[in-house]
Amino acid sequence: MIGNSETARDKLLKDMKRTKGVRFNASKRIEESERKTTRNTAYASVAVVVITLLPVFFPMGQILENSIALLTVALSIFILASSLLQSSNSGQVKADQFQRCALEVNSLRRELGGASDTADVAVFSARYDEILRRYNINHDQVDYDQYRLEHPDEFPGLAAEDTKTARTNLSREGKVSDLAAKAIAAATMGVAVVATTSPLMERLIDALTSWLGALHHGN
């Protein structure tokens, strides 16, 4: 319901501002998600190459070779699943649609803001609805949460609990992708360190075993 102090023109301007802001947020979020997915796929691809070559240059036991084979299979499955999901989600297309929609809404909003007070708001409202129908995609709740946090002056009645929930939703965004990148890096580094030091470790274990054997026979 439009309040006594808020005209139909003011409400439409406010709605368009929020739609523009939320859809810009959605475009940025999807683009960032696409970058992270591409990065993780690239990291995993490099890791497969590096890990596969380790047994060629460093002698190692059967257990370590089996572990490397298992990790290679896991990374290969990750690459396949990540590539298929990225292709099916059409993230770049959605990001572009959100961007275009936000730009058109913003352009219409500027046009309405510069029009005279006698301008037919119904005409602008119909054009606004047409833009939304043309870009028939929905943003996620996290995009709206981000807008609310960025413009608290527009939501004076927002409860503290809602603000906390919005911050929690934003903090969770992208965590899975970041954890995947860290896991890939940690697994690759761990296997590489073990592989490169395995000859030294074997010599140390042999030396320790010989010393303990000699010490036992001496007693």
Protein backbone atom coordinates (compact mmCIF):
# COMPACT_ATOMS: atom_id res chain seq x y z
CA MET A 1 0.00 0.00 0.00
CA ILE A 2 1.32 3.46 -0.89
CA GLY A 3 1.57 5.76 2.12
CA ASN A 4 0.07 9.25 2.25
CA SER A 5 3.46 10.87 1.67
CA GLU A 6 4.51 8.46 -1.10
CA THR A 7 3.10 8.95 -4.57
CA ALA A 8 2.85 6.31 -7.29
CA ARG A 9 5.80 8.00 -8.98
CA ASP A 10 7.94 7.79 -5.84
CA LYS A 11 7.07 4.13 -5.33
CA LEU A 12 7.93 3.25 -8.91
CA LEU A 13 11.25 5.08 -8.66
CA LYS A 14 12.03 3.21 -5.45
CA ASP A 15 11.07 -0.16 -6.94
CA MET A 16 13.23 0.45 -9.98
CA LYS A 17 16.17 1.51 -7.83
CA ARG A 18 15.97 -1.68 -5.78
CA THR A 19 15.53 -3.89 -8.84
CA LYS A 20 18.51 -2.24 -10.50
CA GLY A 21 20.68 -2.65 -7.41
CA VAL A 22 19.71 -6.25 -6.73
CA ARG A 23 20.26 -7.30 -10.34
CA PHE A 24 23.65 -5.63 -10.46
CA ASN A 25 24.50 -7.62 -7.31
CA ALA A 26 23.30 -10.83 -8.97
CA SER A 27 25.44 -10.17 -12.04
CA LYS A 28 28.55 -9.56 -9.93
CA ARG A 29 27.90 -12.63 -7.77
CA ILE A 30 27.52 -14.94 -10.75
CA GLU A 31 30.61 -13.53 -12.46
CA GLU A 32 32.64 -14.04 -9.28
CA SER A 33 31.30 -17.60 -8.94
CA GLU A 34 32.25 -18.33 -12.55
CA ARG A 35 35.77 -17.00 -11.98
CA LYS A 36 36.21 -19.17 -8.90
CA THR A 37 34.90 -22.26 -10.67
CA THR A 38 37.23 -21.69 -13.62
CA ARG A 39 40.12 -21.10 -11.22
CA ASN A 40 39.46 -24.31 -9.30
CA THR A 41 39.16 -26.33 -12.51
CA ALA A 42 42.48 -24.90 -13.70
CA TYR A 43 44.13 -25.65 -10.34
CA ALA A 44 42.83 -29.22 -10.40
CA SER A 45 44.04 -29.72 -13.99
CA VAL A 46 47.54 -28.52 -13.11
CA ALA A 47 47.51 -30.67 -9.99
CA VAL A 48 46.68 -33.79 -12.03
CA VAL A 49 49.64 -33.14 -14.32
CA VAL A 50 52.04 -32.49 -11.44
CA ILE A 51 50.91 -35.45 -9.36
CA THR A 52 50.99 -37.82 -12.35
CA LEU A 53 54.61 -36.89 -13.09
CA LEU A 54 55.85 -37.34 -9.51
CA PRO A 55 56.40 -41.13 -9.73
CA VAL A 56 58.44 -40.59 -12.91
CA PHE A 57 61.04 -38.41 -11.18
CA PHE A 58 60.91 -39.65 -7.60
CA PRO A 59 61.08 -43.30 -6.55
CA MET A 60 58.42 -44.16 -4.02
CA GLY A 61 56.73 -47.07 -2.34
CA GLN A 62 53.61 -48.84 -3.53
CA ILE A 63 51.42 -47.23 -0.87
CA LEU A 64 52.35 -43.73 -2.01
CA GLU A 65 51.85 -44.65 -5.66
CA ASN A 66 48.38 -45.97 -4.85
CA SER A 67 47.58 -42.79 -2.94
CA ILE A 68 48.68 -40.68 -5.92
CA ALA A 69 46.52 -42.76 -8.27
CA LEU A 70 43.51 -42.31 -5.97
CA LEU A 71 44.06 -38.56 -5.71
CA THR A 72 44.42 -38.31 -9.50
CA VAL A 73 41.09 -40.07 -9.98
CA ALA A 74 39.42 -37.79 -7.41
CA LEU A 75 40.75 -34.64 -9.09
CA SER A 76 39.73 -35.91 -12.52
CA ILE A 77 36.18 -36.50 -11.28
CA PHE A 78 36.17 -32.99 -9.78
CA ILE A 79 37.27 -31.49 -13.10
CA LEU A 80 34.58 -33.38 -15.00
CA ALA A 81 31.79 -32.50 -12.56
CA SER A 82 32.88 -28.85 -12.32
CA SER A 83 33.02 -28.47 -16.09
CA LEU A 84 29.61 -30.06 -16.61
CA LEU A 85 27.96 -27.96 -13.91
CA GLN A 86 29.53 -24.76 -15.19
CA SER A 87 28.33 -25.52 -18.70
CA SER A 88 24.79 -26.43 -17.65
CA ASN A 89 24.37 -23.41 -15.36
CA SER A 90 25.13 -20.94 -18.17
CA GLY A 91 26.51 -18.52 -15.60
CA GLN A 92 27.95 -16.04 -18.07
CA VAL A 93 24.65 -15.81 -19.94
CA LYS A 94 22.72 -15.19 -16.71
CA ALA A 95 25.21 -12.59 -15.53
CA ASP A 96 24.89 -10.77 -18.84
CA GLN A 97 21.09 -10.84 -18.63
CA PHE A 98 21.11 -9.44 -15.10
CA GLN A 99 23.53 -6.73 -16.20
CA ARG A 100 21.43 -5.75 -19.20
CA CYS A 101 18.24 -5.76 -17.17
CA ALA A 102 19.79 -3.53 -14.50
CA LEU A 103 21.08 -1.09 -17.11
CA GLU A 104 17.70 -0.82 -18.84
CA VAL A 105 15.86 -0.36 -15.54
CA ASN A 106 18.36 2.28 -14.49
CA SER A 107 17.95 4.10 -17.81
CA LEU A 108 14.16 4.08 -17.43
CA ARG A 109 14.47 5.30 -13.86
CA ARG A 110 16.61 8.25 -14.95
CA GLU A 111 14.07 9.02 -17.64
CA LEU A 112 11.22 9.02 -15.13
CA GLY A 113 13.24 11.07 -12.66
CA GLY A 114 13.83 13.74 -15.28
CA ALA A 115 10.25 13.79 -16.54
CA SER A 116 7.72 16.40 -15.46
CA ASP A 117 5.35 15.80 -12.56
CA THR A 118 2.51 15.44 -15.06
CA ALA A 119 4.15 12.46 -16.76
CA ASP A 120 1.94 9.38 -17.00
CA VAL A 121 3.33 7.02 -14.36
CA ALA A 122 1.25 4.16 -15.76
CA VAL A 123 3.20 4.34 -19.03
CA PHE A 124 6.52 4.10 -17.20
CA SER A 125 5.15 1.28 -15.04
CA ALA A 126 4.15 -0.65 -18.17
CA ARG A 127 7.60 -0.15 -19.67
CA TYR A 128 9.18 -1.29 -16.41
CA ASP A 129 7.04 -4.46 -16.41
CA GLU A 130 8.02 -5.10 -20.02
CA ILE A 131 11.72 -5.00 -19.11
CA LEU A 132 11.17 -7.51 -16.32
CA ARG A 133 9.22 -9.82 -18.67
CA ARG A 134 11.95 -9.61 -21.28
CA TYR A 135 14.58 -10.71 -18.76
CA ASN A 136 12.62 -13.50 -17.13
CA ILE A 137 15.24 -14.53 -14.58
CA ASN A 138 15.09 -14.40 -10.80
CA HIS A 139 17.86 -13.25 -8.49
CA ASP A 140 18.79 -15.16 -5.34
CA GLN A 141 17.91 -14.09 -1.82
CA VAL A 142 21.57 -13.32 -1.12
CA ASP A 143 21.49 -10.59 -3.77
CA TYR A 144 18.59 -8.89 -2.01
CA ASP A 145 20.30 -9.37 1.35
CA GLN A 146 23.37 -7.59 0.03
CA TYR A 147 21.27 -4.69 -1.21
CA ARG A 148 19.57 -4.34 2.18
CA LEU A 149 22.93 -4.24 3.94
CA GLU A 150 24.27 -1.69 1.46
CA HIS A 151 21.21 0.59 1.83
CA PRO A 152 20.06 0.39 5.47
CA ASP A 153 18.43 3.83 5.15
CA GLU A 154 15.83 2.30 2.82
CA PHE A 155 14.85 -0.35 5.40
CA PRO A 156 14.43 1.51 8.71
CA GLY A 157 12.07 -1.15 10.04
CA LEU A 158 14.44 -4.05 9.39
CA ALA A 159 14.83 -6.15 12.52
CA ALA A 160 18.26 -6.86 13.95
CA GLU A 161 17.67 -10.58 13.49
CA ASP A 162 17.00 -10.07 9.77
CA THR A 163 20.21 -8.07 9.44
CA LYS A 164 22.13 -10.85 11.16
CA THR A 165 20.60 -13.44 8.84
CA ALA A 166 21.52 -11.36 5.80
CA ARG A 167 25.13 -11.07 6.96
CA THR A 168 25.26 -14.83 7.55
CA ASN A 169 23.95 -15.54 4.04
CA LEU A 170 26.58 -13.25 2.53
CA SER A 171 29.40 -14.80 4.55
CA ARG A 172 28.45 -18.28 3.31
CA GLU A 173 28.48 -17.21 -0.34
CA GLY A 174 31.49 -18.64 -2.14
CA LYS A 175 32.82 -20.58 0.86
CA VAL A 176 32.46 -23.96 -0.84
CA SER A 177 34.49 -22.77 -3.81
CA ASP A 178 37.17 -21.30 -1.56
CA LEU A 179 37.38 -24.49 0.49
CA ALA A 180 37.71 -26.54 -2.70
CA ALA A 181 40.63 -24.39 -3.85
CA LYS A 182 42.36 -24.78 -0.49
CA ALA A 183 41.75 -28.54 -0.47
CA ILE A 184 43.21 -28.94 -3.96
CA ALA A 185 46.27 -26.88 -3.08
CA ALA A 186 46.81 -28.68 0.24
CA ALA A 187 46.44 -32.15 -1.29
CA THR A 188 48.82 -31.34 -4.14
CA MET A 189 51.45 -29.78 -1.87
CA GLY A 190 51.17 -32.63 0.63
CA VAL A 191 51.66 -35.33 -1.98
CA ALA A 192 54.49 -33.38 -3.63
CA VAL A 193 56.34 -32.95 -0.33
CA VAL A 194 55.93 -36.61 0.58
CA ALA A 195 57.00 -37.72 -2.89
CA THR A 196 60.08 -35.51 -3.05
CA THR A 197 61.20 -36.50 0.43
CA SER A 198 60.33 -40.19 0.18
CA PRO A 199 63.87 -41.32 -0.82
CA LEU A 200 65.34 -39.38 2.07
CA MET A 201 62.72 -40.72 4.44
CA GLU A 202 63.40 -44.28 3.30
CA ARG A 203 67.14 -43.82 3.89
CA LEU A 204 66.52 -42.37 7.32
CA ILE A 205 64.22 -45.25 8.24
CA ASP A 206 66.78 -47.78 6.96
CA ALA A 207 69.56 -46.06 8.88
CA LEU A 208 67.47 -45.97 12.04
CA THR A 209 66.55 -49.64 11.64
CA SER A 210 70.22 -50.61 11.11
CA TRP A 211 71.30 -48.59 14.15
CA LEU A 212 68.65 -50.16 16.34
CA GLY A 213 69.62 -53.62 15.04
CA ALA A 214 73.30 -52.99 15.75
CA LEU A 215 72.46 -51.67 19.19
CA HIS A 216 70.41 -54.77 19.96
CA HIS A 217 73.15 -57.15 18.81
CA GLY A 218 75.72 -55.22 20.81
CA ASN A 219 73.76 -55.79 23.98
